[in-house]
Amino acid sequence: MPAEDDAHRQRFAGRVAIVTGSTAEPSIGRSCALRLARHGASVIINGRDPARLADTEAAMRAEGLAVTGYAGSAEDESAAALLAARAVEVFGGVDLIVNTIGGAPHPRPFDAISEAEFSDTVRLNTWPALALIRAALERGLAEGGGAVVNISSGSPRKTTSQMVAYAAAKAALNAMTRTIAADLAPRGVRVNAVSPGLVRTTATRASWEHDGGQAAGAALPTGRLTEADDVAGAVTFLLSDEARQITGVTLDVDGGNHLRGGGWTPIS
């Protein structure tokens, strides 16, 4: 059915997407940006390193994709407004958001982590996402039925001692996702989250590089390590009209890791 295939490949035609943290290779953000652009979206990519941002932008344009970059940390106070403004300036609006910013900068148990470190972890995993959603709303996100996906984690269901702050932060992100989804549903904006497990990315290289991810993959029910593109597939589905009746959910994309007990290696 070629016509249906063509329509599927262009399912984001006319849409403008912002994808934070989208220049590392491999990374969830870059895979999301590529999928969205290959399916017709115009994409604002973002990264801290201007050279890597330029390389990613050039690689996407070489494929004939509509893309422009914003160099800078999405954690900065001004970043959300600047990203939303760039989307409007270059492509005329903003319809889709993928929030990938997060991490565990202070991996310590509860009796060793400081209040400042705990608060810093929670902010990193929540505030940039909230700020970008607000900035995009000011720039018309709700005018055309927008959609948002936040990248969460399975850590809130794990009990790894050193990840106490990270687990709390991602639990906060999940609660934030549901609450904002309820607030924005009457305005036609859907808000969901994806919860990956260990993913083959630059941030987790130490966990898979020595054997190509065979051991990490074998430990999962599905028998293989999750790829960044696996996560991007779920993200683009949730952003698409195929998921128009889905909002306020957190979707596990972890090779079945949520079915198991035990420790956790964080991503993002």
C-alpha atoms as a PDB file:
ATOM      1  CA  MET A   1       0.000   0.000   0.000  1.00  0.00           C
ATOM      2  CA  PRO A   2       2.420   2.731  -1.236  1.00  0.00           C
ATOM      3  CA  ALA A   3       0.003   5.641  -0.639  1.00  0.00           C
ATOM      4  CA  GLU A   4      -0.459   4.694   2.996  1.00  0.00           C
ATOM      5  CA  ASP A   5       3.290   4.208   3.364  1.00  0.00           C
ATOM      6  CA  ASP A   6       3.913   7.691   1.956  1.00  0.00           C
ATOM      7  CA  ALA A   7       1.323   9.179   4.306  1.00  0.00           C
ATOM      8  CA  HIS A   8       2.959   7.454   7.266  1.00  0.00           C
ATOM      9  CA  ARG A   9       6.382   8.764   6.282  1.00  0.00           C
ATOM     10  CA  GLN A  10       4.935  12.290   6.167  1.00  0.00           C
ATOM     11  CA  ARG A  11       2.774  12.040   9.287  1.00  0.00           C
ATOM     12  CA  PHE A  12       4.450  15.102  10.818  1.00  0.00           C
ATOM     13  CA  ALA A  13       4.367  17.233   7.666  1.00  0.00           C
ATOM     14  CA  GLY A  14       3.671  20.854   8.544  1.00  0.00           C
ATOM     15  CA  ARG A  15       4.570  20.296  12.218  1.00  0.00           C
ATOM     16  CA  VAL A  16       7.427  21.975  14.065  1.00  0.00           C
ATOM     17  CA  ALA A  17       9.261  20.078  16.793  1.00  0.00           C
ATOM     18  CA  ILE A  18      11.757  21.072  19.482  1.00  0.00           C
ATOM     19  CA  VAL A  19      14.016  18.265  20.727  1.00  0.00           C
ATOM     20  CA  THR A  20      16.354  19.114  23.587  1.00  0.00           C
ATOM     21  CA  GLY A  21      19.648  17.284  24.084  1.00  0.00           C
ATOM     22  CA  SER A  22      19.675  16.032  20.503  1.00  0.00           C
ATOM     23  CA  THR A  23      23.270  16.062  19.258  1.00  0.00           C
ATOM     24  CA  ALA A  24      25.153  13.205  20.970  1.00  0.00           C
ATOM     25  CA  GLU A  25      25.592  10.077  18.874  1.00  0.00           C
ATOM     26  CA  PRO A  26      24.063   7.757  19.872  1.00  0.00           C
ATOM     27  CA  SER A  27      21.409   9.433  22.008  1.00  0.00           C
ATOM     28  CA  ILE A  28      17.668   9.349  22.523  1.00  0.00           C
ATOM     29  CA  GLY A  29      17.360  13.015  21.574  1.00  0.00           C
ATOM     30  CA  ARG A  30      19.215  12.664  18.282  1.00  0.00           C
ATOM     31  CA  SER A  31      17.218   9.568  17.329  1.00  0.00           C
ATOM     32  CA  CYS A  32      13.972  11.415  18.094  1.00  0.00           C
ATOM     33  CA  ALA A  33      15.029  14.432  16.040  1.00  0.00           C
ATOM     34  CA  LEU A  34      15.949  12.237  13.076  1.00  0.00           C
ATOM     35  CA  ARG A  35      12.700  10.257  13.187  1.00  0.00           C
ATOM     36  CA  LEU A  36      10.567  13.366  13.411  1.00  0.00           C
ATOM     37  CA  ALA A  37      12.406  15.071  10.558  1.00  0.00           C
ATOM     38  CA  ARG A  38      12.345  11.960   8.376  1.00  0.00           C
ATOM     39  CA  HIS A  39       8.587  11.824   8.918  1.00  0.00           C
ATOM     40  CA  GLY A  40       8.130  15.378   7.699  1.00  0.00           C
ATOM     41  CA  ALA A  41       8.608  17.609  10.746  1.00  0.00           C
ATOM     42  CA  SER A  42      10.739  20.724  10.845  1.00  0.00           C
ATOM     43  CA  VAL A  43      12.991  20.281  13.858  1.00  0.00           C
ATOM     44  CA  ILE A  44      14.865  22.523  16.263  1.00  0.00           C
ATOM     45  CA  ILE A  45      17.787  20.533  17.652  1.00  0.00           C
ATOM     46  CA  ASN A  46      19.730  21.512  20.755  1.00  0.00           C
ATOM     47  CA  GLY A  47      23.072  20.745  22.355  1.00  0.00           C
ATOM     48  CA  ARG A  48      25.768  22.301  24.522  1.00  0.00           C
ATOM     49  CA  ASP A  49      28.669  21.797  22.087  1.00  0.00           C
ATOM     50  CA  PRO A  50      28.461  24.185  19.090  1.00  0.00           C
ATOM     51  CA  ALA A  51      30.717  21.971  16.953  1.00  0.00           C
ATOM     52  CA  ARG A  52      28.695  18.832  17.594  1.00  0.00           C
ATOM     53  CA  LEU A  53      25.492  20.791  17.018  1.00  0.00           C
ATOM     54  CA  ALA A  54      26.811  22.009  13.668  1.00  0.00           C
ATOM     55  CA  ASP A  55      27.831  18.465  12.678  1.00  0.00           C
ATOM     56  CA  THR A  56      24.377  17.101  13.537  1.00  0.00           C
ATOM     57  CA  GLU A  57      22.651  19.923  11.692  1.00  0.00           C
ATOM     58  CA  ALA A  58      24.835  19.357   8.615  1.00  0.00           C
ATOM     59  CA  ALA A  59      24.216  15.597   8.647  1.00  0.00           C
ATOM     60  CA  MET A  60      20.456  16.102   8.797  1.00  0.00           C
ATOM     61  CA  ARG A  61      20.470  18.726   6.059  1.00  0.00           C
ATOM     62  CA  ALA A  62      22.502  16.359   3.883  1.00  0.00           C
ATOM     63  CA  GLU A  63      19.452  14.071   4.025  1.00  0.00           C
ATOM     64  CA  GLY A  64      17.268  16.945   2.887  1.00  0.00           C
ATOM     65  CA  LEU A  65      15.692  17.364   6.322  1.00  0.00           C
ATOM     66  CA  ALA A  66      14.317  20.636   7.683  1.00  0.00           C
ATOM     67  CA  VAL A  67      16.413  21.442  10.731  1.00  0.00           C
ATOM     68  CA  THR A  68      18.030  24.291  12.595  1.00  0.00           C
ATOM     69  CA  GLY A  69      20.095  24.250  15.768  1.00  0.00           C
ATOM     70  CA  TYR A  70      20.241  26.112  19.051  1.00  0.00           C
ATOM     71  CA  ALA A  71      23.560  25.874  20.899  1.00  0.00           C
ATOM     72  CA  GLY A  72      23.361  26.054  24.668  1.00  0.00           C
ATOM     73  CA  SER A  73      22.313  24.244  27.803  1.00  0.00           C
ATOM     74  CA  ALA A  74      18.578  23.592  28.080  1.00  0.00           C
ATOM     75  CA  GLU A  75      19.073  23.963  31.838  1.00  0.00           C
ATOM     76  CA  ASP A  76      19.734  27.689  31.513  1.00  0.00           C
ATOM     77  CA  GLU A  77      16.922  29.999  32.605  1.00  0.00           C
ATOM     78  CA  SER A  78      16.728  31.688  29.189  1.00  0.00           C
ATOM     79  CA  ALA A  79      16.923  28.513  27.102  1.00  0.00           C
ATOM     80  CA  ALA A  80      13.215  27.631  26.993  1.00  0.00           C
ATOM     81  CA  ALA A  81      12.151  31.046  25.711  1.00  0.00           C
ATOM     82  CA  LEU A  82      14.988  31.117  23.175  1.00  0.00           C
ATOM     83  CA  LEU A  83      14.157  27.635  21.836  1.00  0.00           C
ATOM     84  CA  ALA A  84      10.471  28.470  21.434  1.00  0.00           C
ATOM     85  CA  ALA A  85      11.293  31.799  19.814  1.00  0.00           C
ATOM     86  CA  ARG A  86      13.711  30.104  17.403  1.00  0.00           C
ATOM     87  CA  ALA A  87      11.009  27.630  16.348  1.00  0.00           C
ATOM     88  CA  VAL A  88       8.616  30.472  15.539  1.00  0.00           C
ATOM     89  CA  GLU A  89      11.269  32.608  13.844  1.00  0.00           C
ATOM     90  CA  VAL A  90      12.604  29.868  11.558  1.00  0.00           C
ATOM     91  CA  PHE A  91       9.626  27.578  10.996  1.00  0.00           C
ATOM     92  CA  GLY A  92       6.598  29.656  11.984  1.00  0.00           C
ATOM     93  CA  GLY A  93       5.422  27.916  15.139  1.00  0.00           C
ATOM     94  CA  VAL A  94       5.850  25.063  17.595  1.00  0.00           C
ATOM     95  CA  ASP A  95       3.695  21.930  17.706  1.00  0.00           C
ATOM     96  CA  LEU A  96       5.754  19.133  19.262  1.00  0.00           C
ATOM     97  CA  ILE A  97       8.213  18.922  22.158  1.00  0.00           C
ATOM     98  CA  VAL A  98      10.585  16.170  23.240  1.00  0.00           C
ATOM     99  CA  ASN A  99      12.183  16.886  26.625  1.00  0.00           C
ATOM    100  CA  THR A 100      15.260  14.688  27.090  1.00  0.00           C
ATOM    101  CA  ILE A 101      17.210  16.714  29.654  1.00  0.00           C
ATOM    102  CA  GLY A 102      17.947  14.838  32.865  1.00  0.00           C
ATOM    103  CA  GLY A 103      20.496  12.765  34.683  1.00  0.00           C
ATOM    104  CA  ALA A 104      22.016  11.738  37.989  1.00  0.00           C
ATOM    105  CA  PRO A 105      24.798  14.267  38.677  1.00  0.00           C
ATOM    106  CA  HIS A 106      25.084  13.294  42.363  1.00  0.00           C
ATOM    107  CA  PRO A 107      24.846   9.497  42.755  1.00  0.00           C
ATOM    108  CA  ARG A 108      24.901   9.149  46.539  1.00  0.00           C
ATOM    109  CA  PRO A 109      22.817   7.286  49.151  1.00  0.00           C
ATOM    110  CA  PHE A 110      20.304   9.157  51.281  1.00  0.00           C
ATOM    111  CA  ASP A 111      22.702   9.557  54.213  1.00  0.00           C
ATOM    112  CA  ALA A 112      25.469  11.091  52.098  1.00  0.00           C
ATOM    113  CA  ILE A 113      23.719  13.376  49.635  1.00  0.00           C
ATOM    114  CA  SER A 114      23.411  17.045  50.553  1.00  0.00           C
ATOM    115  CA  GLU A 115      20.230  19.088  50.350  1.00  0.00           C
ATOM    116  CA  ALA A 116      21.732  21.152  47.541  1.00  0.00           C
ATOM    117  CA  GLU A 117      22.698  18.039  45.561  1.00  0.00           C
ATOM    118  CA  PHE A 118      19.257  16.515  46.035  1.00  0.00           C
ATOM    119  CA  SER A 119      17.521  19.716  44.950  1.00  0.00           C
ATOM    120  CA  ASP A 120      19.859  20.098  41.981  1.00  0.00           C
ATOM    121  CA  THR A 121      18.971  16.589  40.763  1.00  0.00           C
ATOM    122  CA  VAL A 122      15.240  17.208  41.046  1.00  0.00           C
ATOM    123  CA  ARG A 123      15.524  20.525  39.220  1.00  0.00           C
ATOM    124  CA  LEU A 124      17.606  19.057  36.394  1.00  0.00           C
ATOM    125  CA  ASN A 125      15.023  16.363  35.707  1.00  0.00           C
ATOM    126  CA  THR A 126      11.913  18.541  35.976  1.00  0.00           C
ATOM    127  CA  TRP A 127      12.346  22.280  35.530  1.00  0.00           C
ATOM    128  CA  PRO A 128      13.776  22.407  31.967  1.00  0.00           C
ATOM    129  CA  ALA A 129      10.810  20.323  30.757  1.00  0.00           C
ATOM    130  CA  LEU A 130       8.247  22.452  32.588  1.00  0.00           C
ATOM    131  CA  ALA A 131       9.857  25.689  31.417  1.00  0.00           C
ATOM    132  CA  LEU A 132       9.901  24.609  27.759  1.00  0.00           C
ATOM    133  CA  ILE A 133       6.248  23.563  27.835  1.00  0.00           C
ATOM    134  CA  ARG A 134       5.305  26.965  29.271  1.00  0.00           C
ATOM    135  CA  ALA A 135       7.424  28.831  26.727  1.00  0.00           C
ATOM    136  CA  ALA A 136       5.930  26.818  23.867  1.00  0.00           C
ATOM    137  CA  LEU A 137       2.406  27.555  25.088  1.00  0.00           C
ATOM    138  CA  GLU A 138       3.221  31.263  24.928  1.00  0.00           C
ATOM    139  CA  ARG A 139       4.304  30.705  21.310  1.00  0.00           C
ATOM    140  CA  GLY A 140       1.187  28.849  20.193  1.00  0.00           C
ATOM    141  CA  LEU A 141       1.642  25.206  21.204  1.00  0.00           C
ATOM    142  CA  ALA A 142      -2.070  24.875  21.946  1.00  0.00           C
ATOM    143  CA  GLU A 143      -3.250  26.521  18.732  1.00  0.00           C
ATOM    144  CA  GLY A 144      -2.896  23.431  16.548  1.00  0.00           C
ATOM    145  CA  GLY A 145      -3.292  20.583  19.008  1.00  0.00           C
ATOM    146  CA  GLY A 146       0.247  20.203  20.312  1.00  0.00           C
ATOM    147  CA  ALA A 147       1.914  17.180  21.888  1.00  0.00           C
ATOM    148  CA  VAL A 148       4.721  16.722  24.403  1.00  0.00           C
ATOM    149  CA  VAL A 149       6.803  13.711  25.429  1.00  0.00           C
ATOM    150  CA  ASN A 150       9.088  13.797  28.482  1.00  0.00           C
ATOM    151  CA  ILE A 151      11.886  11.256  28.833  1.00  0.00           C
ATOM    152  CA  SER A 152      11.578   9.635  32.253  1.00  0.00           C
ATOM    153  CA  SER A 153      13.148   6.478  33.717  1.00  0.00           C
ATOM    154  CA  GLY A 154      12.270   3.255  35.482  1.00  0.00           C
ATOM    155  CA  SER A 155      14.242   4.367  38.543  1.00  0.00           C
ATOM    156  CA  PRO A 156      11.161   5.321  40.630  1.00  0.00           C
ATOM    157  CA  ARG A 157      10.273   1.604  40.754  1.00  0.00           C
ATOM    158  CA  LYS A 158      13.823   0.533  41.711  1.00  0.00           C
ATOM    159  CA  THR A 159      15.621   0.725  45.028  1.00  0.00           C
ATOM    160  CA  THR A 160      19.215   1.473  44.114  1.00  0.00           C
ATOM    161  CA  SER A 161      20.715   3.287  47.108  1.00  0.00           C
ATOM    162  CA  GLN A 162      22.896   5.747  45.183  1.00  0.00           C
ATOM    163  CA  MET A 163      19.996   6.746  42.938  1.00  0.00           C
ATOM    164  CA  VAL A 164      17.750   8.084  45.719  1.00  0.00           C
ATOM    165  CA  ALA A 165      17.716  11.634  44.305  1.00  0.00           C
ATOM    166  CA  TYR A 166      17.418  10.481  40.691  1.00  0.00           C
ATOM    167  CA  ALA A 167      14.521   8.154  41.474  1.00  0.00           C
ATOM    168  CA  ALA A 168      12.752  10.933  43.355  1.00  0.00           C
ATOM    169  CA  ALA A 169      13.369  13.335  40.479  1.00  0.00           C
ATOM    170  CA  LYS A 170      11.925  11.005  37.853  1.00  0.00           C
ATOM    171  CA  ALA A 171       8.948  10.234  40.105  1.00  0.00           C
ATOM    172  CA  ALA A 172       8.385  14.000  40.233  1.00  0.00           C
ATOM    173  CA  LEU A 173       8.633  14.174  36.434  1.00  0.00           C
ATOM    174  CA  ASN A 174       6.022  11.416  36.090  1.00  0.00           C
ATOM    175  CA  ALA A 175       3.656  13.229  38.449  1.00  0.00           C
ATOM    176  CA  MET A 176       4.304  16.488  36.636  1.00  0.00           C
ATOM    177  CA  THR A 177       3.525  14.805  33.309  1.00  0.00           C
ATOM    178  CA  ARG A 178       0.135  13.585  34.537  1.00  0.00           C
ATOM    179  CA  THR A 179      -0.772  16.893  36.150  1.00  0.00           C
ATOM    180  CA  ILE A 180       0.163  19.007  33.125  1.00  0.00           C
ATOM    181  CA  ALA A 181      -1.638  16.520  30.866  1.00  0.00           C
ATOM    182  CA  ALA A 182      -4.835  17.071  32.856  1.00  0.00           C
ATOM    183  CA  ASP A 183      -4.380  20.844  32.772  1.00  0.00           C
ATOM    184  CA  LEU A 184      -3.742  20.981  29.018  1.00  0.00           C
ATOM    185  CA  ALA A 185      -6.207  18.377  27.744  1.00  0.00           C
ATOM    186  CA  PRO A 186      -9.032  20.945  27.477  1.00  0.00           C
ATOM    187  CA  ARG A 187      -6.703  23.066  25.315  1.00  0.00           C
ATOM    188  CA  GLY A 188      -6.015  20.190  22.934  1.00  0.00           C
ATOM    189  CA  VAL A 189      -2.441  19.494  24.059  1.00  0.00           C
ATOM    190  CA  ARG A 190      -1.395  15.957  24.983  1.00  0.00           C
ATOM    191  CA  VAL A 191       1.451  15.295  27.431  1.00  0.00           C
ATOM    192  CA  ASN A 192       3.011  11.862  27.917  1.00  0.00           C
ATOM    193  CA  ALA A 193       6.291  10.332  29.050  1.00  0.00           C
ATOM    194  CA  VAL A 194       8.494   7.451  27.968  1.00  0.00           C
ATOM    195  CA  SER A 195      10.369   5.442  30.576  1.00  0.00           C
ATOM    196  CA  PRO A 196      13.499   3.766  29.159  1.00  0.00           C
ATOM    197  CA  GLY A 197      15.758   1.325  30.909  1.00  0.00           C
ATOM    198  CA  LEU A 198      19.431   1.004  30.040  1.00  0.00           C
ATOM    199  CA  VAL A 199      19.802   2.335  26.489  1.00  0.00           C
ATOM    200  CA  ARG A 200      22.811   2.215  24.178  1.00  0.00           C
ATOM    201  CA  THR A 201      23.791   5.908  24.319  1.00  0.00           C
ATOM    202  CA  THR A 202      26.937   7.937  24.877  1.00  0.00           C
ATOM    203  CA  ALA A 203      25.859   8.540  28.486  1.00  0.00           C
ATOM    204  CA  THR A 204      25.790   4.800  29.254  1.00  0.00           C
ATOM    205  CA  ARG A 205      28.793   3.755  27.157  1.00  0.00           C
ATOM    206  CA  ALA A 206      30.632   2.258  30.134  1.00  0.00           C
ATOM    207  CA  SER A 207      27.777  -0.213  30.639  1.00  0.00           C
ATOM    208  CA  TRP A 208      27.843  -1.699  27.135  1.00  0.00           C
ATOM    209  CA  GLU A 209      30.994  -0.751  25.215  1.00  0.00           C
ATOM    210  CA  HIS A 210      33.211  -3.597  26.478  1.00  0.00           C
ATOM    211  CA  ASP A 211      31.053  -6.312  24.891  1.00  0.00           C
ATOM    212  CA  GLY A 212      28.749  -4.401  22.582  1.00  0.00           C
ATOM    213  CA  GLY A 213      25.902  -4.643  25.068  1.00  0.00           C
ATOM    214  CA  GLN A 214      25.604  -8.438  24.980  1.00  0.00           C
ATOM    215  CA  ALA A 215      25.668  -8.954  28.751  1.00  0.00           C
ATOM    216  CA  ALA A 216      23.311  -6.046  29.473  1.00  0.00           C
ATOM    217  CA  GLY A 217      20.939  -7.238  26.772  1.00  0.00           C
ATOM    218  CA  ALA A 218      21.012 -10.858  27.901  1.00  0.00           C
ATOM    219  CA  ALA A 219      19.877  -9.773  31.362  1.00  0.00           C
ATOM    220  CA  LEU A 220      16.631  -8.338  29.945  1.00  0.00           C
ATOM    221  CA  PRO A 221      13.485 -10.394  29.278  1.00  0.00           C
ATOM    222  CA  THR A 222      13.648  -9.496  25.570  1.00  0.00           C
ATOM    223  CA  GLY A 223      17.272 -10.622  25.365  1.00  0.00           C
ATOM    224  CA  ARG A 224      18.752  -7.510  23.753  1.00  0.00           C
ATOM    225  CA  LEU A 225      19.874  -4.058  24.789  1.00  0.00           C
ATOM    226  CA  THR A 226      17.470  -1.210  24.062  1.00  0.00           C
ATOM    227  CA  GLU A 227      18.606   1.096  21.272  1.00  0.00           C
ATOM    228  CA  ALA A 228      18.002   4.844  21.187  1.00  0.00           C
ATOM    229  CA  ASP A 229      15.863   4.318  18.097  1.00  0.00           C
ATOM    230  CA  ASP A 230      13.595   1.945  20.052  1.00  0.00           C
ATOM    231  CA  VAL A 231      12.815   4.813  22.398  1.00  0.00           C
ATOM    232  CA  ALA A 232      12.429   7.246  19.494  1.00  0.00           C
ATOM    233  CA  GLY A 233       9.844   4.936  17.941  1.00  0.00           C
ATOM    234  CA  ALA A 234       7.701   5.142  21.073  1.00  0.00           C
ATOM    235  CA  VAL A 235       8.203   8.892  21.328  1.00  0.00           C
ATOM    236  CA  THR A 236       7.126   9.559  17.748  1.00  0.00           C
ATOM    237  CA  PHE A 237       4.088   7.318  18.187  1.00  0.00           C
ATOM    238  CA  LEU A 238       2.985   9.291  21.253  1.00  0.00           C
ATOM    239  CA  LEU A 239       3.492  12.566  19.367  1.00  0.00           C
ATOM    240  CA  SER A 240       1.526  11.387  16.349  1.00  0.00           C
ATOM    241  CA  ASP A 241      -2.173  11.529  15.596  1.00  0.00           C
ATOM    242  CA  GLU A 242      -2.196   7.741  15.983  1.00  0.00           C
ATOM    243  CA  ALA A 243      -1.999   8.439  19.740  1.00  0.00           C
ATOM    244  CA  ARG A 244      -4.581  11.231  19.739  1.00  0.00           C
ATOM    245  CA  GLN A 245      -6.539   9.592  22.577  1.00  0.00           C
ATOM    246  CA  ILE A 246      -3.484   8.989  24.766  1.00  0.00           C
ATOM    247  CA  THR A 247      -2.435  11.551  27.348  1.00  0.00           C
ATOM    248  CA  GLY A 248      -0.980  11.490  30.854  1.00  0.00           C
ATOM    249  CA  VAL A 249       0.690   8.084  30.496  1.00  0.00           C
ATOM    250  CA  THR A 250       4.245   6.895  31.117  1.00  0.00           C
ATOM    251  CA  LEU A 251       5.181   4.177  28.617  1.00  0.00           C
ATOM    252  CA  ASP A 252       7.916   1.664  29.490  1.00  0.00           C
ATOM    253  CA  VAL A 253      10.428   1.069  26.691  1.00  0.00           C
ATOM    254  CA  ASP A 254      12.964  -1.051  28.511  1.00  0.00           C
ATOM    255  CA  GLY A 255      13.067  -4.573  27.091  1.00  0.00           C
ATOM    256  CA  GLY A 256      10.860  -5.754  29.949  1.00  0.00           C
ATOM    257  CA  ASN A 257      13.180  -4.499  32.673  1.00  0.00           C
ATOM    258  CA  HIS A 258      10.182  -3.168  34.617  1.00  0.00           C
ATOM    259  CA  LEU A 259       9.117  -6.804  35.073  1.00  0.00           C
ATOM    260  CA  ARG A 260      12.244  -7.528  37.094  1.00  0.00           C
ATOM    261  CA  GLY A 261      13.315  -6.541  40.609  1.00  0.00           C
ATOM    262  CA  GLY A 262      16.746  -5.442  41.727  1.00  0.00           C
ATOM    263  CA  GLY A 263      19.069  -2.561  40.963  1.00  0.00           C
ATOM    264  CA  TRP A 264      19.052  -0.021  38.211  1.00  0.00           C
ATOM    265  CA  THR A 265      21.509   1.759  35.952  1.00  0.00           C
ATOM    266  CA  PRO A 266      20.082   5.205  35.113  1.00  0.00           C
ATOM    267  CA  ILE A 267      20.022   6.805  31.691  1.00  0.00           C
ATOM    268  CA  SER A 268      19.516  10.287  30.364  1.00  0.00           C
END
